[in-house]
Amino acid sequence: MTTTVETSLPEQFSSLEVWVADWALATRVERYEKRLSKTIDELQEFYDAIAPLAEDAMAYLDTQDVNDLSEQDTRLLHLLYSMIMVSYPVNIFKQPRIPDSGAAFFDTAVEPAL
């Protein structure tokens, strides 16, 4: 008897499955709040896991119809958005918050169409 394990990501990106619950978030606000709730070490761990696969993930998503993404593809896209959200803290700020920003908070009025 053969058993198939279903993942919530396209098969070639199943190694990122462990990050879906925390980081496949639909809105920028959710991603920013998640970033602020994590330590820089946690952000680094996530970034280090997804960054090596980012170009392949973007190339894969480029082959899909952006107006008709499957749930798996949408989760992958959300993981990429989260990688972008943590890239500055990991590579530039070396902390989850923007340095010297005090209590300032960046908010958007409209989310992208996806």
PDB file of N, CA and C in Angstrom:
ATOM      1  N   MET A   1       0.836  -1.176   0.000  1.00  0.00           N
ATOM      2  CA  MET A   1       0.000   0.000   0.000  1.00  0.00           C
ATOM      3  C   MET A   1       0.889   1.249   0.000  1.00  0.00           C
ATOM      4  N   THR A   2       0.614   2.153  -0.906  1.00  0.00           N
ATOM      5  CA  THR A   2       1.376   3.385  -1.018  1.00  0.00           C
ATOM      6  C   THR A   2       0.599   4.516  -0.367  1.00  0.00           C
ATOM      7  N   THR A   3       1.291   5.276   0.430  1.00  0.00           N
ATOM      8  CA  THR A   3       0.668   6.422   1.082  1.00  0.00           C
ATOM      9  C   THR A   3       1.311   7.681   0.541  1.00  0.00           C
ATOM     10  N   THR A   4       0.502   8.666   0.231  1.00  0.00           N
ATOM     11  CA  THR A   4       1.057   9.937  -0.211  1.00  0.00           C
ATOM     12  C   THR A   4       0.884  10.948   0.915  1.00  0.00           C
ATOM     13  N   VAL A   5       1.900  11.719   1.123  1.00  0.00           N
ATOM     14  CA  VAL A   5       1.844  12.766   2.128  1.00  0.00           C
ATOM     15  C   VAL A   5       1.513  14.056   1.401  1.00  0.00           C
ATOM     16  N   GLU A   6       0.434  14.661   1.791  1.00  0.00           N
ATOM     17  CA  GLU A   6       0.019  15.896   1.150  1.00  0.00           C
ATOM     18  C   GLU A   6       0.638  17.082   1.877  1.00  0.00           C
ATOM     19  N   THR A   7       1.213  17.978   1.130  1.00  0.00           N
ATOM     20  CA  THR A   7       1.789  19.170   1.729  1.00  0.00           C
ATOM     21  C   THR A   7       0.973  20.379   1.309  1.00  0.00           C
ATOM     22  N   SER A   8       1.190  21.454   2.010  1.00  0.00           N
ATOM     23  CA  SER A   8       0.451  22.671   1.675  1.00  0.00           C
ATOM     24  C   SER A   8       1.225  23.555   0.713  1.00  0.00           C
ATOM     25  N   LEU A   9       2.367  23.045   0.214  1.00  0.00           N
ATOM     26  CA  LEU A   9       3.192  23.763  -0.760  1.00  0.00           C
ATOM     27  C   LEU A   9       3.406  22.885  -1.979  1.00  0.00           C
ATOM     28  N   PRO A  10       3.772  23.474  -3.111  1.00  0.00           N
ATOM     29  CA  PRO A  10       4.155  22.641  -4.250  1.00  0.00           C
ATOM     30  C   PRO A  10       5.273  21.684  -3.830  1.00  0.00           C
ATOM     31  N   GLU A  11       5.241  20.474  -4.357  1.00  0.00           N
ATOM     32  CA  GLU A  11       6.130  19.396  -3.912  1.00  0.00           C
ATOM     33  C   GLU A  11       7.609  19.786  -3.860  1.00  0.00           C
ATOM     34  N   GLN A  12       8.092  20.505  -4.872  1.00  0.00           N
ATOM     35  CA  GLN A  12       9.510  20.845  -4.911  1.00  0.00           C
ATOM     36  C   GLN A  12       9.928  21.820  -3.802  1.00  0.00           C
ATOM     37  N   PHE A  13       8.956  22.376  -3.079  1.00  0.00           N
ATOM     38  CA  PHE A  13       9.257  23.303  -1.986  1.00  0.00           C
ATOM     39  C   PHE A  13       8.785  22.749  -0.640  1.00  0.00           C
ATOM     40  N   SER A  14       8.590  21.449  -0.580  1.00  0.00           N
ATOM     41  CA  SER A  14       8.075  20.820   0.647  1.00  0.00           C
ATOM     42  C   SER A  14       9.022  20.988   1.834  1.00  0.00           C
ATOM     43  N   SER A  15      10.300  21.240   1.589  1.00  0.00           N
ATOM     44  CA  SER A  15      11.232  21.456   2.702  1.00  0.00           C
ATOM     45  C   SER A  15      10.887  22.723   3.492  1.00  0.00           C
ATOM     46  N   LEU A  16      10.084  23.601   2.907  1.00  0.00           N
ATOM     47  CA  LEU A  16       9.674  24.839   3.584  1.00  0.00           C
ATOM     48  C   LEU A  16       8.388  24.668   4.391  1.00  0.00           C
ATOM     49  N   GLU A  17       7.852  23.468   4.374  1.00  0.00           N
ATOM     50  CA  GLU A  17       6.579  23.190   5.046  1.00  0.00           C
ATOM     51  C   GLU A  17       6.587  23.630   6.518  1.00  0.00           C
ATOM     52  N   VAL A  18       7.697  23.456   7.188  1.00  0.00           N
ATOM     53  CA  VAL A  18       7.766  23.795   8.617  1.00  0.00           C
ATOM     54  C   VAL A  18       7.557  25.289   8.878  1.00  0.00           C
ATOM     55  N   TRP A  19       7.681  26.096   7.853  1.00  0.00           N
ATOM     56  CA  TRP A  19       7.545  27.548   8.014  1.00  0.00           C
ATOM     57  C   TRP A  19       6.154  28.063   7.675  1.00  0.00           C
ATOM     58  N   VAL A  20       5.314  27.221   7.107  1.00  0.00           N
ATOM     59  CA  VAL A  20       4.000  27.664   6.628  1.00  0.00           C
ATOM     60  C   VAL A  20       3.130  28.222   7.751  1.00  0.00           C
ATOM     61  N   ALA A  21       3.020  27.513   8.855  1.00  0.00           N
ATOM     62  CA  ALA A  21       2.120  27.943   9.933  1.00  0.00           C
ATOM     63  C   ALA A  21       2.471  29.344  10.438  1.00  0.00           C
ATOM     64  N   ASP A  22       3.753  29.628  10.569  1.00  0.00           N
ATOM     65  CA  ASP A  22       4.171  30.930  11.082  1.00  0.00           C
ATOM     66  C   ASP A  22       4.252  32.025  10.029  1.00  0.00           C
ATOM     67  N   TRP A  23       4.637  31.684   8.808  1.00  0.00           N
ATOM     68  CA  TRP A  23       5.036  32.715   7.862  1.00  0.00           C
ATOM     69  C   TRP A  23       4.227  32.818   6.583  1.00  0.00           C
ATOM     70  N   ALA A  24       3.321  31.897   6.283  1.00  0.00           N
ATOM     71  CA  ALA A  24       2.498  32.014   5.067  1.00  0.00           C
ATOM     72  C   ALA A  24       1.285  32.879   5.396  1.00  0.00           C
ATOM     73  N   LEU A  25       1.542  34.138   5.593  1.00  0.00           N
ATOM     74  CA  LEU A  25       0.530  35.096   6.048  1.00  0.00           C
ATOM     75  C   LEU A  25       0.043  35.947   4.889  1.00  0.00           C
ATOM     76  N   ALA A  26      -1.253  36.193   4.876  1.00  0.00           N
ATOM     77  CA  ALA A  26      -1.886  36.814   3.715  1.00  0.00           C
ATOM     78  C   ALA A  26      -1.675  38.321   3.594  1.00  0.00           C
ATOM     79  N   THR A  27      -1.442  39.010   4.710  1.00  0.00           N
ATOM     80  CA  THR A  27      -1.354  40.470   4.618  1.00  0.00           C
ATOM     81  C   THR A  27      -0.013  40.990   5.117  1.00  0.00           C
ATOM     82  N   ARG A  28       0.333  42.167   4.675  1.00  0.00           N
ATOM     83  CA  ARG A  28       1.561  42.819   5.108  1.00  0.00           C
ATOM     84  C   ARG A  28       1.516  43.097   6.605  1.00  0.00           C
ATOM     85  N   VAL A  29       0.369  43.494   7.105  1.00  0.00           N
ATOM     86  CA  VAL A  29       0.220  43.773   8.538  1.00  0.00           C
ATOM     87  C   VAL A  29       0.529  42.517   9.350  1.00  0.00           C
ATOM     88  N   GLU A  30      -0.012  41.385   8.944  1.00  0.00           N
ATOM     89  CA  GLU A  30       0.261  40.131   9.654  1.00  0.00           C
ATOM     90  C   GLU A  30       1.754  39.787   9.608  1.00  0.00           C
ATOM     91  N   ARG A  31       2.365  39.973   8.449  1.00  0.00           N
ATOM     92  CA  ARG A  31       3.785  39.666   8.306  1.00  0.00           C
ATOM     93  C   ARG A  31       4.645  40.594   9.169  1.00  0.00           C
ATOM     94  N   TYR A  32       4.290  41.871   9.211  1.00  0.00           N
ATOM     95  CA  TYR A  32       5.048  42.825  10.023  1.00  0.00           C
ATOM     96  C   TYR A  32       4.903  42.512  11.508  1.00  0.00           C
ATOM     97  N   GLU A  33       3.685  42.212  11.935  1.00  0.00           N
ATOM     98  CA  GLU A  33       3.459  41.845  13.338  1.00  0.00           C
ATOM     99  C   GLU A  33       4.232  40.582  13.701  1.00  0.00           C
ATOM    100  N   LYS A  34       4.268  39.609  12.793  1.00  0.00           N
ATOM    101  CA  LYS A  34       5.025  38.380  13.040  1.00  0.00           C
ATOM    102  C   LYS A  34       6.506  38.712  13.160  1.00  0.00           C
ATOM    103  N   ARG A  35       7.000  39.557  12.279  1.00  0.00           N
ATOM    104  CA  ARG A  35       8.409  39.961  12.335  1.00  0.00           C
ATOM    105  C   ARG A  35       8.746  40.565  13.692  1.00  0.00           C
ATOM    106  N   LEU A  36       7.892  41.453  14.177  1.00  0.00           N
ATOM    107  CA  LEU A  36       8.145  42.119  15.449  1.00  0.00           C
ATOM    108  C   LEU A  36       8.035  41.162  16.629  1.00  0.00           C
ATOM    109  N   SER A  37       7.308  40.063  16.454  1.00  0.00           N
ATOM    110  CA  SER A  37       7.136  39.100  17.553  1.00  0.00           C
ATOM    111  C   SER A  37       8.293  38.107  17.658  1.00  0.00           C
ATOM    112  N   LYS A  38       9.188  38.115  16.694  1.00  0.00           N
ATOM    113  CA  LYS A  38      10.291  37.163  16.643  1.00  0.00           C
ATOM    114  C   LYS A  38      11.608  37.825  17.048  1.00  0.00           C
ATOM    115  N   THR A  39      12.521  36.994  17.516  1.00  0.00           N
ATOM    116  CA  THR A  39      13.881  37.483  17.793  1.00  0.00           C
ATOM    117  C   THR A  39      14.642  37.541  16.478  1.00  0.00           C
ATOM    118  N   ILE A  40      15.759  38.232  16.493  1.00  0.00           N
ATOM    119  CA  ILE A  40      16.574  38.300  15.277  1.00  0.00           C
ATOM    120  C   ILE A  40      17.095  36.908  14.921  1.00  0.00           C
ATOM    121  N   ASP A  41      17.366  36.071  15.901  1.00  0.00           N
ATOM    122  CA  ASP A  41      17.819  34.702  15.612  1.00  0.00           C
ATOM    123  C   ASP A  41      16.730  33.894  14.917  1.00  0.00           C
ATOM    124  N   GLU A  42      15.476  34.079  15.327  1.00  0.00           N
ATOM    125  CA  GLU A  42      14.363  33.379  14.676  1.00  0.00           C
ATOM    126  C   GLU A  42      14.167  33.884  13.248  1.00  0.00           C
ATOM    127  N   LEU A  43      14.300  35.185  13.058  1.00  0.00           N
ATOM    128  CA  LEU A  43      14.193  35.748  11.710  1.00  0.00           C
ATOM    129  C   LEU A  43      15.317  35.217  10.827  1.00  0.00           C
ATOM    130  N   GLN A  44      16.510  35.150  11.368  1.00  0.00           N
ATOM    131  CA  GLN A  44      17.661  34.642  10.619  1.00  0.00           C
ATOM    132  C   GLN A  44      17.446  33.192  10.213  1.00  0.00           C
ATOM    133  N   GLU A  45      16.917  32.388  11.116  1.00  0.00           N
ATOM    134  CA  GLU A  45      16.673  30.974  10.827  1.00  0.00           C
ATOM    135  C   GLU A  45      15.673  30.816   9.675  1.00  0.00           C
ATOM    136  N   PHE A  46      14.587  31.580   9.714  1.00  0.00           N
ATOM    137  CA  PHE A  46      13.602  31.543   8.631  1.00  0.00           C
ATOM    138  C   PHE A  46      14.243  32.009   7.317  1.00  0.00           C
ATOM    139  N   TYR A  47      14.922  33.128   7.363  1.00  0.00           N
ATOM    140  CA  TYR A  47      15.556  33.679   6.160  1.00  0.00           C
ATOM    141  C   TYR A  47      16.543  32.682   5.556  1.00  0.00           C
ATOM    142  N   ASP A  48      17.367  32.085   6.397  1.00  0.00           N
ATOM    143  CA  ASP A  48      18.362  31.128   5.917  1.00  0.00           C
ATOM    144  C   ASP A  48      17.731  29.892   5.285  1.00  0.00           C
ATOM    145  N   ALA A  49      16.538  29.538   5.729  1.00  0.00           N
ATOM    146  CA  ALA A  49      15.853  28.369   5.167  1.00  0.00           C
ATOM    147  C   ALA A  49      15.243  28.674   3.798  1.00  0.00           C
ATOM    148  N   ILE A  50      14.687  29.862   3.645  1.00  0.00           N
ATOM    149  CA  ILE A  50      13.950  30.154   2.411  1.00  0.00           C
ATOM    150  C   ILE A  50      14.800  30.842   1.338  1.00  0.00           C
ATOM    151  N   ALA A  51      15.768  31.646   1.731  1.00  0.00           N
ATOM    152  CA  ALA A  51      16.541  32.416   0.748  1.00  0.00           C
ATOM    153  C   ALA A  51      17.188  31.553  -0.340  1.00  0.00           C
ATOM    154  N   PRO A  52      17.774  30.392  -0.012  1.00  0.00           N
ATOM    155  CA  PRO A  52      18.388  29.592  -1.078  1.00  0.00           C
ATOM    156  C   PRO A  52      17.382  29.060  -2.115  1.00  0.00           C
ATOM    157  N   LEU A  53      16.109  29.014  -1.736  1.00  0.00           N
ATOM    158  CA  LEU A  53      15.080  28.508  -2.651  1.00  0.00           C
ATOM    159  C   LEU A  53      14.282  29.624  -3.310  1.00  0.00           C
ATOM    160  N   ALA A  54      14.564  30.867  -2.952  1.00  0.00           N
ATOM    161  CA  ALA A  54      13.739  31.988  -3.410  1.00  0.00           C
ATOM    162  C   ALA A  54      13.741  32.146  -4.926  1.00  0.00           C
ATOM    163  N   GLU A  55      14.901  32.073  -5.558  1.00  0.00           N
ATOM    164  CA  GLU A  55      14.939  32.237  -7.016  1.00  0.00           C
ATOM    165  C   GLU A  55      14.169  31.125  -7.716  1.00  0.00           C
ATOM    166  N   ASP A  56      14.323  29.893  -7.241  1.00  0.00           N
ATOM    167  CA  ASP A  56      13.570  28.781  -7.820  1.00  0.00           C
ATOM    168  C   ASP A  56      12.068  28.963  -7.598  1.00  0.00           C
ATOM    169  N   ALA A  57      11.703  29.444  -6.424  1.00  0.00           N
ATOM    170  CA  ALA A  57      10.285  29.670  -6.124  1.00  0.00           C
ATOM    171  C   ALA A  57       9.714  30.759  -7.024  1.00  0.00           C
ATOM    172  N   MET A  58      10.465  31.833  -7.234  1.00  0.00           N
ATOM    173  CA  MET A  58       9.999  32.904  -8.120  1.00  0.00           C
ATOM    174  C   MET A  58       9.892  32.413  -9.562  1.00  0.00           C
ATOM    175  N   ALA A  59      10.872  31.638  -9.999  1.00  0.00           N
ATOM    176  CA  ALA A  59      10.824  31.096 -11.355  1.00  0.00           C
ATOM    177  C   ALA A  59       9.624  30.173 -11.517  1.00  0.00           C
ATOM    178  N   TYR A  60       9.363  29.351 -10.509  1.00  0.00           N
ATOM    179  CA  TYR A  60       8.200  28.465 -10.546  1.00  0.00           C
ATOM    180  C   TYR A  60       6.913  29.285 -10.611  1.00  0.00           C
ATOM    181  N   LEU A  61       6.776  30.271  -9.735  1.00  0.00           N
ATOM    182  CA  LEU A  61       5.548  31.076  -9.707  1.00  0.00           C
ATOM    183  C   LEU A  61       5.367  31.870 -10.995  1.00  0.00           C
ATOM    184  N   ASP A  62       6.450  32.237 -11.663  1.00  0.00           N
ATOM    185  CA  ASP A  62       6.361  32.936 -12.950  1.00  0.00           C
ATOM    186  C   ASP A  62       5.695  32.078 -14.021  1.00  0.00           C
ATOM    187  N   THR A  63       5.688  30.761 -13.814  1.00  0.00           N
ATOM    188  CA  THR A  63       5.049  29.870 -14.790  1.00  0.00           C
ATOM    189  C   THR A  63       3.557  29.700 -14.526  1.00  0.00           C
ATOM    190  N   GLN A  64       3.083  30.254 -13.413  1.00  0.00           N
ATOM    191  CA  GLN A  64       1.678  30.110 -13.029  1.00  0.00           C
ATOM    192  C   GLN A  64       0.891  31.368 -13.403  1.00  0.00           C
ATOM    193  N   ASP A  65      -0.407  31.197 -13.578  1.00  0.00           N
ATOM    194  CA  ASP A  65      -1.280  32.334 -13.847  1.00  0.00           C
ATOM    195  C   ASP A  65      -1.527  33.068 -12.536  1.00  0.00           C
ATOM    196  N   VAL A  66      -1.023  34.283 -12.427  1.00  0.00           N
ATOM    197  CA  VAL A  66      -1.124  35.046 -11.185  1.00  0.00           C
ATOM    198  C   VAL A  66      -2.580  35.281 -10.764  1.00  0.00           C
ATOM    199  N   ASN A  67      -3.493  35.256 -11.716  1.00  0.00           N
ATOM    200  CA  ASN A  67      -4.911  35.471 -11.412  1.00  0.00           C
ATOM    201  C   ASN A  67      -5.631  34.185 -11.045  1.00  0.00           C
ATOM    202  N   ASP A  68      -4.909  33.058 -11.091  1.00  0.00           N
ATOM    203  CA  ASP A  68      -5.550  31.774 -10.802  1.00  0.00           C
ATOM    204  C   ASP A  68      -4.575  30.852 -10.057  1.00  0.00           C
ATOM    205  N   LEU A  69      -3.925  31.375  -9.017  1.00  0.00           N
ATOM    206  CA  LEU A  69      -2.978  30.574  -8.253  1.00  0.00           C
ATOM    207  C   LEU A  69      -3.710  29.545  -7.399  1.00  0.00           C
ATOM    208  N   SER A  70      -3.142  28.361  -7.316  1.00  0.00           N
ATOM    209  CA  SER A  70      -3.690  27.341  -6.417  1.00  0.00           C
ATOM    210  C   SER A  70      -3.403  27.768  -4.977  1.00  0.00           C
ATOM    211  N   GLU A  71      -4.032  27.089  -4.018  1.00  0.00           N
ATOM    212  CA  GLU A  71      -3.774  27.384  -2.613  1.00  0.00           C
ATOM    213  C   GLU A  71      -2.313  27.123  -2.276  1.00  0.00           C
ATOM    214  N   GLN A  72      -1.737  26.063  -2.831  1.00  0.00           N
ATOM    215  CA  GLN A  72      -0.326  25.749  -2.587  1.00  0.00           C
ATOM    216  C   GLN A  72       0.570  26.864  -3.113  1.00  0.00           C
ATOM    217  N   ASP A  73       0.299  27.329  -4.309  1.00  0.00           N
ATOM    218  CA  ASP A  73       1.105  28.393  -4.904  1.00  0.00           C
ATOM    219  C   ASP A  73       0.953  29.700  -4.124  1.00  0.00           C
ATOM    220  N   THR A  74      -0.245  29.980  -3.658  1.00  0.00           N
ATOM    221  CA  THR A  74      -0.484  31.188  -2.873  1.00  0.00           C
ATOM    222  C   THR A  74       0.303  31.141  -1.571  1.00  0.00           C
ATOM    223  N   ARG A  75       0.345  29.987  -0.917  1.00  0.00           N
ATOM    224  CA  ARG A  75       1.146  29.846   0.308  1.00  0.00           C
ATOM    225  C   ARG A  75       2.624  30.089   0.025  1.00  0.00           C
ATOM    226  N   LEU A  76       3.101  29.562  -1.076  1.00  0.00           N
ATOM    227  CA  LEU A  76       4.500  29.781  -1.456  1.00  0.00           C
ATOM    228  C   LEU A  76       4.761  31.271  -1.682  1.00  0.00           C
ATOM    229  N   LEU A  77       3.857  31.942  -2.355  1.00  0.00           N
ATOM    230  CA  LEU A  77       3.983  33.379  -2.584  1.00  0.00           C
ATOM    231  C   LEU A  77       4.013  34.130  -1.252  1.00  0.00           C
ATOM    232  N   HIS A  78       3.150  33.741  -0.327  1.00  0.00           N
ATOM    233  CA  HIS A  78       3.120  34.387   0.988  1.00  0.00           C
ATOM    234  C   HIS A  78       4.429  34.158   1.744  1.00  0.00           C
ATOM    235  N   LEU A  79       5.015  32.980   1.612  1.00  0.00           N
ATOM    236  CA  LEU A  79       6.325  32.735   2.229  1.00  0.00           C
ATOM    237  C   LEU A  79       7.386  33.667   1.637  1.00  0.00           C
ATOM    238  N   LEU A  80       7.328  33.868   0.326  1.00  0.00           N
ATOM    239  CA  LEU A  80       8.277  34.793  -0.306  1.00  0.00           C
ATOM    240  C   LEU A  80       8.072  36.219   0.187  1.00  0.00           C
ATOM    241  N   TYR A  81       6.819  36.625   0.324  1.00  0.00           N
ATOM    242  CA  TYR A  81       6.539  37.961   0.865  1.00  0.00           C
ATOM    243  C   TYR A  81       7.124  38.091   2.276  1.00  0.00           C
ATOM    244  N   SER A  82       7.000  37.042   3.071  1.00  0.00           N
ATOM    245  CA  SER A  82       7.546  37.066   4.434  1.00  0.00           C
ATOM    246  C   SER A  82       9.067  37.118   4.411  1.00  0.00           C
ATOM    247  N   MET A  83       9.680  36.425   3.471  1.00  0.00           N
ATOM    248  CA  MET A  83      11.136  36.489   3.342  1.00  0.00           C
ATOM    249  C   MET A  83      11.566  37.931   3.067  1.00  0.00           C
ATOM    250  N   ILE A  84      10.828  38.602   2.201  1.00  0.00           N
ATOM    251  CA  ILE A  84      11.127  40.009   1.898  1.00  0.00           C
ATOM    252  C   ILE A  84      10.955  40.855   3.157  1.00  0.00           C
ATOM    253  N   MET A  85       9.911  40.564   3.927  1.00  0.00           N
ATOM    254  CA  MET A  85       9.637  41.321   5.159  1.00  0.00           C
ATOM    255  C   MET A  85      10.774  41.183   6.169  1.00  0.00           C
ATOM    256  N   VAL A  86      11.430  40.043   6.205  1.00  0.00           N
ATOM    257  CA  VAL A  86      12.512  39.849   7.182  1.00  0.00           C
ATOM    258  C   VAL A  86      13.894  40.134   6.602  1.00  0.00           C
ATOM    259  N   SER A  87      13.994  40.400   5.315  1.00  0.00           N
ATOM    260  CA  SER A  87      15.310  40.569   4.705  1.00  0.00           C
ATOM    261  C   SER A  87      16.055  41.790   5.243  1.00  0.00           C
ATOM    262  N   TYR A  88      15.385  42.912   5.427  1.00  0.00           N
ATOM    263  CA  TYR A  88      16.068  44.081   5.965  1.00  0.00           C
ATOM    264  C   TYR A  88      16.494  43.883   7.413  1.00  0.00           C
ATOM    265  N   PRO A  89      15.623  43.387   8.279  1.00  0.00           N
ATOM    266  CA  PRO A  89      16.082  43.131   9.654  1.00  0.00           C
ATOM    267  C   PRO A  89      17.281  42.185   9.706  1.00  0.00           C
ATOM    268  N   VAL A  90      17.267  41.140   8.892  1.00  0.00           N
ATOM    269  CA  VAL A  90      18.346  40.159   8.908  1.00  0.00           C
ATOM    270  C   VAL A  90      19.621  40.719   8.298  1.00  0.00           C
ATOM    271  N   ASN A  91      19.522  41.365   7.160  1.00  0.00           N
ATOM    272  CA  ASN A  91      20.710  41.789   6.416  1.00  0.00           C
ATOM    273  C   ASN A  91      21.211  43.190   6.740  1.00  0.00           C
ATOM    274  N   ILE A  92      20.329  44.049   7.218  1.00  0.00           N
ATOM    275  CA  ILE A  92      20.721  45.447   7.419  1.00  0.00           C
ATOM    276  C   ILE A  92      20.613  45.872   8.889  1.00  0.00           C
ATOM    277  N   PHE A  93      19.404  45.740   9.469  1.00  0.00           N
ATOM    278  CA  PHE A  93      19.149  46.272  10.811  1.00  0.00           C
ATOM    279  C   PHE A  93      19.774  45.440  11.920  1.00  0.00           C
ATOM    280  N   LYS A  94      19.843  44.124  11.705  1.00  0.00           N
ATOM    281  CA  LYS A  94      20.321  43.178  12.724  1.00  0.00           C
ATOM    282  C   LYS A  94      19.425  43.181  13.963  1.00  0.00           C
ATOM    283  N   GLN A  95      18.161  43.516  13.772  1.00  0.00           N
ATOM    284  CA  GLN A  95      17.143  43.494  14.826  1.00  0.00           C
ATOM    285  C   GLN A  95      15.780  43.555  14.143  1.00  0.00           C
ATOM    286  N   PRO A  96      14.720  43.054  14.792  1.00  0.00           N
ATOM    287  CA  PRO A  96      13.397  43.022  14.150  1.00  0.00           C
ATOM    288  C   PRO A  96      12.810  44.408  13.833  1.00  0.00           C
ATOM    289  N   ARG A  97      13.053  45.376  14.698  1.00  0.00           N
ATOM    290  CA  ARG A  97      12.514  46.724  14.493  1.00  0.00           C
ATOM    291  C   ARG A  97      13.469  47.576  13.667  1.00  0.00           C
ATOM    292  N   ILE A  98      12.920  48.612  13.075  1.00  0.00           N
ATOM    293  CA  ILE A  98      13.750  49.579  12.361  1.00  0.00           C
ATOM    294  C   ILE A  98      14.493  50.394  13.410  1.00  0.00           C
ATOM    295  N   PRO A  99      15.812  50.483  13.323  1.00  0.00           N
ATOM    296  CA  PRO A  99      16.584  51.221  14.331  1.00  0.00           C
ATOM    297  C   PRO A  99      16.148  52.678  14.435  1.00  0.00           C
ATOM    298  N   ASP A 100      16.190  53.174  15.644  1.00  0.00           N
ATOM    299  CA  ASP A 100      15.912  54.591  15.921  1.00  0.00           C
ATOM    300  C   ASP A 100      14.539  55.048  15.444  1.00  0.00           C
ATOM    301  N   SER A 101      13.579  54.143  15.429  1.00  0.00           N
ATOM    302  CA  SER A 101      12.239  54.523  14.974  1.00  0.00           C
ATOM    303  C   SER A 101      11.271  54.724  16.128  1.00  0.00           C
ATOM    304  N   GLY A 102      11.716  54.473  17.356  1.00  0.00           N
ATOM    305  CA  GLY A 102      10.859  54.685  18.519  1.00  0.00           C
ATOM    306  C   GLY A 102       9.568  53.903  18.404  1.00  0.00           C
ATOM    307  N   ALA A 103       8.466  54.578  18.629  1.00  0.00           N
ATOM    308  CA  ALA A 103       7.153  53.938  18.595  1.00  0.00           C
ATOM    309  C   ALA A 103       6.492  54.065  17.224  1.00  0.00           C
ATOM    310  N   ALA A 104       7.223  54.594  16.249  1.00  0.00           N
ATOM    311  CA  ALA A 104       6.652  54.770  14.908  1.00  0.00           C
ATOM    312  C   ALA A 104       6.249  53.420  14.330  1.00  0.00           C
ATOM    313  N   PHE A 105       5.187  53.428  13.550  1.00  0.00           N
ATOM    314  CA  PHE A 105       4.687  52.200  12.932  1.00  0.00           C
ATOM    315  C   PHE A 105       4.284  52.509  11.512  1.00  0.00           C
ATOM    316  N   PHE A 106       4.680  51.656  10.594  1.00  0.00           N
ATOM    317  CA  PHE A 106       4.344  51.813   9.185  1.00  0.00           C
ATOM    318  C   PHE A 106       3.047  51.062   8.917  1.00  0.00           C
ATOM    319  N   ASP A 107       2.080  51.717   8.310  1.00  0.00           N
ATOM    320  CA  ASP A 107       0.814  51.078   8.001  1.00  0.00           C
ATOM    321  C   ASP A 107       0.438  51.400   6.561  1.00  0.00           C
ATOM    322  N   THR A 108      -0.306  50.487   5.937  1.00  0.00           N
ATOM    323  CA  THR A 108      -0.751  50.700   4.565  1.00  0.00           C
ATOM    324  C   THR A 108      -2.263  50.792   4.528  1.00  0.00           C
ATOM    325  N   ALA A 109      -2.762  51.507   3.559  1.00  0.00           N
ATOM    326  CA  ALA A 109      -4.199  51.648   3.417  1.00  0.00           C
ATOM    327  C   ALA A 109      -4.779  50.565   2.520  1.00  0.00           C
ATOM    328  N   VAL A 110      -3.968  50.061   1.582  1.00  0.00           N
ATOM    329  CA  VAL A 110      -4.456  49.091   0.611  1.00  0.00           C
ATOM    330  C   VAL A 110      -3.417  47.991   0.449  1.00  0.00           C
ATOM    331  N   GLU A 111      -3.873  46.744   0.424  1.00  0.00           N
ATOM    332  CA  GLU A 111      -2.998  45.604   0.182  1.00  0.00           C
ATOM    333  C   GLU A 111      -2.903  45.371  -1.329  1.00  0.00           C
ATOM    334  N   PRO A 112      -1.842  44.720  -1.789  1.00  0.00           N
ATOM    335  CA  PRO A 112      -1.777  44.352  -3.203  1.00  0.00           C
ATOM    336  C   PRO A 112      -2.952  43.440  -3.575  1.00  0.00           C
ATOM    337  N   ALA A 113      -3.250  43.349  -4.824  1.00  0.00           N
ATOM    338  CA  ALA A 113      -4.412  42.588  -5.301  1.00  0.00           C
ATOM    339  C   ALA A 113      -4.347  41.119  -4.956  1.00  0.00           C
ATOM    340  N   LEU A 114      -3.148  40.550  -4.784  1.00  0.00           N
ATOM    341  CA  LEU A 114      -3.047  39.120  -4.502  1.00  0.00           C
ATOM    342  C   LEU A 114      -3.367  38.829  -3.092  1.00  0.00           C
TER     343      LEU A 114
END
